[in-house]
Amino acid sequence: MGNALQITAQMPPAEAEALLVSMRTHYSMSLNEHWYADEFRCVPSDVRHSSILKKKPAMAAQKRLMAALSLSLKAVKQS
């Protein structure tokens, strides 16, 4: 990603955990909605998730942010 953005945020762990829970809930609902949508219904299930992420950039961004939050929370808990 040559032109990728880098985002930095500071927040208390409790806020980060709450945000992660919220994002996971929203992501799960969105994935379920798109999984059964006509647009993706004929895509084989083993590649459907990646197909959805390719066509839905907001969901791909959510997935990256959830991973970053999760990693940051693990690092804080280990220290």
PDB file of N, CA and C in Angstrom:
ATOM      1  N   MET A   1       0.832  -1.180   0.000  1.00  0.00           N
ATOM      2  CA  MET A   1       0.000   0.000   0.000  1.00  0.00           C
ATOM      3  C   MET A   1       0.876   1.243   0.000  1.00  0.00           C
ATOM      4  N   GLY A   2       1.227   1.695  -1.144  1.00  0.00           N
ATOM      5  CA  GLY A   2       2.098   2.841  -1.262  1.00  0.00           C
ATOM      6  C   GLY A   2       1.492   4.134  -0.764  1.00  0.00           C
ATOM      7  N   ASN A   3       0.224   4.317  -0.920  1.00  0.00           N
ATOM      8  CA  ASN A   3      -0.415   5.567  -0.502  1.00  0.00           C
ATOM      9  C   ASN A   3      -1.344   5.357   0.693  1.00  0.00           C
ATOM     10  N   ALA A   4      -1.002   4.395   1.547  1.00  0.00           N
ATOM     11  CA  ALA A   4      -1.852   4.065   2.694  1.00  0.00           C
ATOM     12  C   ALA A   4      -1.796   5.162   3.751  1.00  0.00           C
ATOM     13  N   LEU A   5      -2.885   5.324   4.442  1.00  0.00           N
ATOM     14  CA  LEU A   5      -2.970   6.262   5.553  1.00  0.00           C
ATOM     15  C   LEU A   5      -2.523   5.561   6.825  1.00  0.00           C
ATOM     16  N   GLN A   6      -1.938   6.326   7.704  1.00  0.00           N
ATOM     17  CA  GLN A   6      -1.615   5.814   9.023  1.00  0.00           C
ATOM     18  C   GLN A   6      -2.387   6.643  10.026  1.00  0.00           C
ATOM     19  N   ILE A   7      -3.143   5.978  10.879  1.00  0.00           N
ATOM     20  CA  ILE A   7      -4.000   6.659  11.839  1.00  0.00           C
ATOM     21  C   ILE A   7      -3.528   6.295  13.244  1.00  0.00           C
ATOM     22  N   THR A   8      -3.368   7.288  14.081  1.00  0.00           N
ATOM     23  CA  THR A   8      -2.959   7.062  15.458  1.00  0.00           C
ATOM     24  C   THR A   8      -4.027   7.635  16.376  1.00  0.00           C
ATOM     25  N   ALA A   9      -4.381   6.874  17.390  1.00  0.00           N
ATOM     26  CA  ALA A   9      -5.373   7.337  18.364  1.00  0.00           C
ATOM     27  C   ALA A   9      -4.974   6.839  19.741  1.00  0.00           C
ATOM     28  N   GLN A  10      -5.252   7.633  20.746  1.00  0.00           N
ATOM     29  CA  GLN A  10      -5.031   7.223  22.125  1.00  0.00           C
ATOM     30  C   GLN A  10      -6.364   7.232  22.839  1.00  0.00           C
ATOM     31  N   MET A  11      -6.619   6.160  23.595  1.00  0.00           N
ATOM     32  CA  MET A  11      -7.840   6.079  24.384  1.00  0.00           C
ATOM     33  C   MET A  11      -7.612   5.099  25.523  1.00  0.00           C
ATOM     34  N   PRO A  12      -8.369   5.242  26.579  1.00  0.00           N
ATOM     35  CA  PRO A  12      -8.258   4.290  27.675  1.00  0.00           C
ATOM     36  C   PRO A  12      -8.663   2.886  27.206  1.00  0.00           C
ATOM     37  N   PRO A  13      -8.090   1.855  27.820  1.00  0.00           N
ATOM     38  CA  PRO A  13      -8.438   0.489  27.423  1.00  0.00           C
ATOM     39  C   PRO A  13      -9.939   0.195  27.456  1.00  0.00           C
ATOM     40  N   ALA A  14     -10.644   0.752  28.407  1.00  0.00           N
ATOM     41  CA  ALA A  14     -12.090   0.496  28.497  1.00  0.00           C
ATOM     42  C   ALA A  14     -12.817   1.024  27.264  1.00  0.00           C
ATOM     43  N   GLU A  15     -12.411   2.195  26.799  1.00  0.00           N
ATOM     44  CA  GLU A  15     -13.016   2.748  25.589  1.00  0.00           C
ATOM     45  C   GLU A  15     -12.650   1.906  24.370  1.00  0.00           C
ATOM     46  N   ALA A  16     -11.402   1.476  24.303  1.00  0.00           N
ATOM     47  CA  ALA A  16     -10.961   0.653  23.172  1.00  0.00           C
ATOM     48  C   ALA A  16     -11.729  -0.665  23.133  1.00  0.00           C
ATOM     49  N   GLU A  17     -11.921  -1.276  24.300  1.00  0.00           N
ATOM     50  CA  GLU A  17     -12.687  -2.523  24.356  1.00  0.00           C
ATOM     51  C   GLU A  17     -14.133  -2.311  23.935  1.00  0.00           C
ATOM     52  N   ALA A  18     -14.730  -1.218  24.401  1.00  0.00           N
ATOM     53  CA  ALA A  18     -16.120  -0.915  24.026  1.00  0.00           C
ATOM     54  C   ALA A  18     -16.232  -0.663  22.526  1.00  0.00           C
ATOM     55  N   LEU A  19     -15.271   0.067  21.974  1.00  0.00           N
ATOM     56  CA  LEU A  19     -15.265   0.330  20.536  1.00  0.00           C
ATOM     57  C   LEU A  19     -15.114  -0.970  19.752  1.00  0.00           C
ATOM     58  N   LEU A  20     -14.221  -1.849  20.212  1.00  0.00           N
ATOM     59  CA  LEU A  20     -14.014  -3.126  19.529  1.00  0.00           C
ATOM     60  C   LEU A  20     -15.284  -3.973  19.548  1.00  0.00           C
ATOM     61  N   VAL A  21     -15.954  -4.026  20.676  1.00  0.00           N
ATOM     62  CA  VAL A  21     -17.214  -4.778  20.761  1.00  0.00           C
ATOM     63  C   VAL A  21     -18.240  -4.213  19.799  1.00  0.00           C
ATOM     64  N   SER A  22     -18.344  -2.894  19.771  1.00  0.00           N
ATOM     65  CA  SER A  22     -19.299  -2.234  18.873  1.00  0.00           C
ATOM     66  C   SER A  22     -18.968  -2.524  17.410  1.00  0.00           C
ATOM     67  N   MET A  23     -17.692  -2.409  17.072  1.00  0.00           N
ATOM     68  CA  MET A  23     -17.284  -2.654  15.686  1.00  0.00           C
ATOM     69  C   MET A  23     -17.516  -4.108  15.283  1.00  0.00           C
ATOM     70  N   ARG A  24     -17.234  -5.034  16.182  1.00  0.00           N
ATOM     71  CA  ARG A  24     -17.456  -6.457  15.873  1.00  0.00           C
ATOM     72  C   ARG A  24     -18.935  -6.737  15.635  1.00  0.00           C
ATOM     73  N   THR A  25     -19.775  -6.133  16.453  1.00  0.00           N
ATOM     74  CA  THR A  25     -21.222  -6.322  16.297  1.00  0.00           C
ATOM     75  C   THR A  25     -21.690  -5.780  14.948  1.00  0.00           C
ATOM     76  N   HIS A  26     -21.269  -4.577  14.620  1.00  0.00           N
ATOM     77  CA  HIS A  26     -21.668  -3.961  13.359  1.00  0.00           C
ATOM     78  C   HIS A  26     -21.118  -4.752  12.178  1.00  0.00           C
ATOM     79  N   TYR A  27     -19.867  -5.175  12.270  1.00  0.00           N
ATOM     80  CA  TYR A  27     -19.238  -5.937  11.198  1.00  0.00           C
ATOM     81  C   TYR A  27     -19.984  -7.259  10.977  1.00  0.00           C
ATOM     82  N   SER A  28     -20.304  -7.928  12.056  1.00  0.00           N
ATOM     83  CA  SER A  28     -21.015  -9.204  11.960  1.00  0.00           C
ATOM     84  C   SER A  28     -22.382  -9.026  11.296  1.00  0.00           C
ATOM     85  N   MET A  29     -23.087  -7.970  11.675  1.00  0.00           N
ATOM     86  CA  MET A  29     -24.400  -7.710  11.064  1.00  0.00           C
ATOM     87  C   MET A  29     -24.254  -7.394   9.576  1.00  0.00           C
ATOM     88  N   SER A  30     -23.263  -6.594   9.231  1.00  0.00           N
ATOM     89  CA  SER A  30     -23.034  -6.246   7.824  1.00  0.00           C
ATOM     90  C   SER A  30     -22.652  -7.473   7.013  1.00  0.00           C
ATOM     91  N   LEU A  31     -21.759  -8.289   7.582  1.00  0.00           N
ATOM     92  CA  LEU A  31     -21.336  -9.494   6.872  1.00  0.00           C
ATOM     93  C   LEU A  31     -22.522 -10.421   6.627  1.00  0.00           C
ATOM     94  N   ASN A  32     -23.354 -10.590   7.638  1.00  0.00           N
ATOM     95  CA  ASN A  32     -24.526 -11.446   7.488  1.00  0.00           C
ATOM     96  C   ASN A  32     -25.471 -10.905   6.416  1.00  0.00           C
ATOM     97  N   GLU A  33     -25.639  -9.593   6.408  1.00  0.00           N
ATOM     98  CA  GLU A  33     -26.512  -8.960   5.410  1.00  0.00           C
ATOM     99  C   GLU A  33     -25.988  -9.197   3.986  1.00  0.00           C
ATOM    100  N   HIS A  34     -24.698  -8.993   3.798  1.00  0.00           N
ATOM    101  CA  HIS A  34     -24.122  -9.152   2.462  1.00  0.00           C
ATOM    102  C   HIS A  34     -23.965 -10.617   2.074  1.00  0.00           C
ATOM    103  N   TRP A  35     -23.722 -11.476   3.047  1.00  0.00           N
ATOM    104  CA  TRP A  35     -23.499 -12.903   2.779  1.00  0.00           C
ATOM    105  C   TRP A  35     -24.679 -13.500   2.020  1.00  0.00           C
ATOM    106  N   TYR A  36     -25.880 -13.105   2.402  1.00  0.00           N
ATOM    107  CA  TYR A  36     -27.085 -13.675   1.789  1.00  0.00           C
ATOM    108  C   TYR A  36     -27.705 -12.773   0.724  1.00  0.00           C
ATOM    109  N   ALA A  37     -27.059 -11.657   0.422  1.00  0.00           N
ATOM    110  CA  ALA A  37     -27.573 -10.752  -0.605  1.00  0.00           C
ATOM    111  C   ALA A  37     -27.424 -11.389  -1.988  1.00  0.00           C
ATOM    112  N   ASP A  38     -28.298 -11.009  -2.905  1.00  0.00           N
ATOM    113  CA  ASP A  38     -28.254 -11.547  -4.265  1.00  0.00           C
ATOM    114  C   ASP A  38     -26.892 -11.360  -4.918  1.00  0.00           C
ATOM    115  N   GLU A  39     -26.237 -10.251  -4.610  1.00  0.00           N
ATOM    116  CA  GLU A  39     -24.949  -9.933  -5.218  1.00  0.00           C
ATOM    117  C   GLU A  39     -23.881 -11.000  -4.929  1.00  0.00           C
ATOM    118  N   PHE A  40     -23.963 -11.643  -3.770  1.00  0.00           N
ATOM    119  CA  PHE A  40     -22.929 -12.599  -3.371  1.00  0.00           C
ATOM    120  C   PHE A  40     -23.439 -14.026  -3.203  1.00  0.00           C
ATOM    121  N   ARG A  41     -24.712 -14.219  -3.400  1.00  0.00           N
ATOM    122  CA  ARG A  41     -25.308 -15.530  -3.149  1.00  0.00           C
ATOM    123  C   ARG A  41     -24.668 -16.650  -3.983  1.00  0.00           C
ATOM    124  N   CYS A  42     -24.267 -16.353  -5.202  1.00  0.00           N
ATOM    125  CA  CYS A  42     -23.702 -17.378  -6.085  1.00  0.00           C
ATOM    126  C   CYS A  42     -22.187 -17.518  -5.944  1.00  0.00           C
ATOM    127  N   VAL A  43     -21.572 -16.690  -5.119  1.00  0.00           N
ATOM    128  CA  VAL A  43     -20.126 -16.792  -4.894  1.00  0.00           C
ATOM    129  C   VAL A  43     -19.888 -17.957  -3.942  1.00  0.00           C
ATOM    130  N   PRO A  44     -18.956 -18.859  -4.261  1.00  0.00           N
ATOM    131  CA  PRO A  44     -18.694 -19.999  -3.369  1.00  0.00           C
ATOM    132  C   PRO A  44     -18.354 -19.519  -1.955  1.00  0.00           C
ATOM    133  N   SER A  45     -18.829 -20.243  -0.966  1.00  0.00           N
ATOM    134  CA  SER A  45     -18.680 -19.803   0.422  1.00  0.00           C
ATOM    135  C   SER A  45     -17.228 -19.664   0.867  1.00  0.00           C
ATOM    136  N   ASP A  46     -16.314 -20.418   0.268  1.00  0.00           N
ATOM    137  CA  ASP A  46     -14.916 -20.338   0.697  1.00  0.00           C
ATOM    138  C   ASP A  46     -14.230 -19.049   0.240  1.00  0.00           C
ATOM    139  N   VAL A  47     -14.804 -18.339  -0.701  1.00  0.00           N
ATOM    140  CA  VAL A  47     -14.232 -17.059  -1.152  1.00  0.00           C
ATOM    141  C   VAL A  47     -15.217 -15.895  -1.004  1.00  0.00           C
ATOM    142  N   ARG A  48     -16.363 -16.170  -0.432  1.00  0.00           N
ATOM    143  CA  ARG A  48     -17.395 -15.133  -0.329  1.00  0.00           C
ATOM    144  C   ARG A  48     -16.958 -13.981   0.574  1.00  0.00           C
ATOM    145  N   HIS A  49     -16.346 -14.298   1.713  1.00  0.00           N
ATOM    146  CA  HIS A  49     -15.926 -13.248   2.640  1.00  0.00           C
ATOM    147  C   HIS A  49     -14.937 -12.299   1.970  1.00  0.00           C
ATOM    148  N   SER A  50     -13.938 -12.831   1.312  1.00  0.00           N
ATOM    149  CA  SER A  50     -12.954 -11.965   0.637  1.00  0.00           C
ATOM    150  C   SER A  50     -13.601 -11.206  -0.517  1.00  0.00           C
ATOM    151  N   SER A  51     -14.563 -11.805  -1.188  1.00  0.00           N
ATOM    152  CA  SER A  51     -15.275 -11.111  -2.263  1.00  0.00           C
ATOM    153  C   SER A  51     -16.073  -9.930  -1.726  1.00  0.00           C
ATOM    154  N   ILE A  52     -16.684 -10.120  -0.579  1.00  0.00           N
ATOM    155  CA  ILE A  52     -17.438  -9.038   0.040  1.00  0.00           C
ATOM    156  C   ILE A  52     -16.493  -7.899   0.405  1.00  0.00           C
ATOM    157  N   LEU A  53     -15.357  -8.235   1.000  1.00  0.00           N
ATOM    158  CA  LEU A  53     -14.405  -7.202   1.414  1.00  0.00           C
ATOM    159  C   LEU A  53     -13.847  -6.432   0.216  1.00  0.00           C
ATOM    160  N   LYS A  54     -13.669  -7.096  -0.909  1.00  0.00           N
ATOM    161  CA  LYS A  54     -13.173  -6.414  -2.103  1.00  0.00           C
ATOM    162  C   LYS A  54     -14.176  -5.396  -2.628  1.00  0.00           C
ATOM    163  N   LYS A  55     -15.464  -5.707  -2.489  1.00  0.00           N
ATOM    164  CA  LYS A  55     -16.498  -4.814  -3.026  1.00  0.00           C
ATOM    165  C   LYS A  55     -17.057  -3.839  -1.986  1.00  0.00           C
ATOM    166  N   LYS A  56     -16.722  -4.046  -0.739  1.00  0.00           N
ATOM    167  CA  LYS A  56     -17.225  -3.196   0.346  1.00  0.00           C
ATOM    168  C   LYS A  56     -16.031  -2.651   1.139  1.00  0.00           C
ATOM    169  N   PRO A  57     -15.417  -1.564   0.658  1.00  0.00           N
ATOM    170  CA  PRO A  57     -14.202  -1.049   1.304  1.00  0.00           C
ATOM    171  C   PRO A  57     -14.398  -0.608   2.753  1.00  0.00           C
ATOM    172  N   ALA A  58     -15.580  -0.184   3.121  1.00  0.00           N
ATOM    173  CA  ALA A  58     -15.812   0.203   4.518  1.00  0.00           C
ATOM    174  C   ALA A  58     -15.667  -1.011   5.440  1.00  0.00           C
ATOM    175  N   MET A  59     -16.130  -2.158   4.980  1.00  0.00           N
ATOM    176  CA  MET A  59     -15.991  -3.368   5.785  1.00  0.00           C
ATOM    177  C   MET A  59     -14.529  -3.802   5.862  1.00  0.00           C
ATOM    178  N   ALA A  60     -13.798  -3.656   4.780  1.00  0.00           N
ATOM    179  CA  ALA A  60     -12.372  -3.996   4.795  1.00  0.00           C
ATOM    180  C   ALA A  60     -11.640  -3.092   5.789  1.00  0.00           C
ATOM    181  N   ALA A  61     -12.005  -1.815   5.822  1.00  0.00           N
ATOM    182  CA  ALA A  61     -11.391  -0.883   6.764  1.00  0.00           C
ATOM    183  C   ALA A  61     -11.758  -1.256   8.201  1.00  0.00           C
ATOM    184  N   GLN A  62     -13.005  -1.636   8.410  1.00  0.00           N
ATOM    185  CA  GLN A  62     -13.433  -2.069   9.744  1.00  0.00           C
ATOM    186  C   GLN A  62     -12.615  -3.261  10.202  1.00  0.00           C
ATOM    187  N   LYS A  63     -12.387  -4.195   9.307  1.00  0.00           N
ATOM    188  CA  LYS A  63     -11.634  -5.398   9.661  1.00  0.00           C
ATOM    189  C   LYS A  63     -10.214  -5.031  10.085  1.00  0.00           C
ATOM    190  N   ARG A  64      -9.584  -4.116   9.357  1.00  0.00           N
ATOM    191  CA  ARG A  64      -8.232  -3.677   9.716  1.00  0.00           C
ATOM    192  C   ARG A  64      -8.219  -2.964  11.060  1.00  0.00           C
ATOM    193  N   LEU A  65      -9.203  -2.092  11.278  1.00  0.00           N
ATOM    194  CA  LEU A  65      -9.266  -1.366  12.545  1.00  0.00           C
ATOM    195  C   LEU A  65      -9.537  -2.303  13.717  1.00  0.00           C
ATOM    196  N   MET A  66     -10.379  -3.298  13.526  1.00  0.00           N
ATOM    197  CA  MET A  66     -10.637  -4.265  14.594  1.00  0.00           C
ATOM    198  C   MET A  66      -9.364  -5.036  14.934  1.00  0.00           C
ATOM    199  N   ALA A  67      -8.606  -5.414  13.921  1.00  0.00           N
ATOM    200  CA  ALA A  67      -7.357  -6.129  14.154  1.00  0.00           C
ATOM    201  C   ALA A  67      -6.364  -5.252  14.915  1.00  0.00           C
ATOM    202  N   ALA A  68      -6.263  -3.983  14.534  1.00  0.00           N
ATOM    203  CA  ALA A  68      -5.347  -3.060  15.205  1.00  0.00           C
ATOM    204  C   ALA A  68      -5.763  -2.840  16.658  1.00  0.00           C
ATOM    205  N   LEU A  69      -7.051  -2.659  16.892  1.00  0.00           N
ATOM    206  CA  LEU A  69      -7.544  -2.487  18.259  1.00  0.00           C
ATOM    207  C   LEU A  69      -7.261  -3.725  19.107  1.00  0.00           C
ATOM    208  N   SER A  70      -7.545  -4.869  18.547  1.00  0.00           N
ATOM    209  CA  SER A  70      -7.326  -6.119  19.263  1.00  0.00           C
ATOM    210  C   SER A  70      -5.855  -6.301  19.618  1.00  0.00           C
ATOM    211  N   LEU A  71      -4.983  -6.037  18.683  1.00  0.00           N
ATOM    212  CA  LEU A  71      -3.542  -6.155  18.908  1.00  0.00           C
ATOM    213  C   LEU A  71      -3.082  -5.172  19.986  1.00  0.00           C
ATOM    214  N   SER A  72      -3.566  -3.946  19.927  1.00  0.00           N
ATOM    215  CA  SER A  72      -3.194  -2.936  20.917  1.00  0.00           C
ATOM    216  C   SER A  72      -3.691  -3.315  22.310  1.00  0.00           C
ATOM    217  N   LEU A  73      -4.892  -3.838  22.394  1.00  0.00           N
ATOM    218  CA  LEU A  73      -5.429  -4.258  23.685  1.00  0.00           C
ATOM    219  C   LEU A  73      -4.629  -5.415  24.258  1.00  0.00           C
ATOM    220  N   LYS A  74      -4.212  -6.355  23.425  1.00  0.00           N
ATOM    221  CA  LYS A  74      -3.393  -7.476  23.895  1.00  0.00           C
ATOM    222  C   LYS A  74      -2.056  -6.980  24.424  1.00  0.00           C
ATOM    223  N   ALA A  75      -1.458  -6.021  23.723  1.00  0.00           N
ATOM    224  CA  ALA A  75      -0.172  -5.467  24.145  1.00  0.00           C
ATOM    225  C   ALA A  75      -0.291  -4.773  25.501  1.00  0.00           C
ATOM    226  N   VAL A  76      -1.400  -4.056  25.726  1.00  0.00           N
ATOM    227  CA  VAL A  76      -1.598  -3.369  26.996  1.00  0.00           C
ATOM    228  C   VAL A  76      -1.792  -4.380  28.120  1.00  0.00           C
ATOM    229  N   LYS A  77      -2.524  -5.444  27.861  1.00  0.00           N
ATOM    230  CA  LYS A  77      -2.784  -6.465  28.884  1.00  0.00           C
ATOM    231  C   LYS A  77      -1.516  -7.231  29.257  1.00  0.00           C
ATOM    232  N   GLN A  78      -0.602  -7.382  28.298  1.00  0.00           N
ATOM    233  CA  GLN A  78       0.639  -8.126  28.543  1.00  0.00           C
ATOM    234  C   GLN A  78       1.677  -7.287  29.294  1.00  0.00           C
ATOM    235  N   SER A  79       1.520  -5.969  29.261  1.00  0.00           N
ATOM    236  CA  SER A  79       2.524  -5.117  29.921  1.00  0.00           C
ATOM    237  C   SER A  79       2.207  -4.854  31.371  1.00  0.00           C
TER     238      SER A  79
END
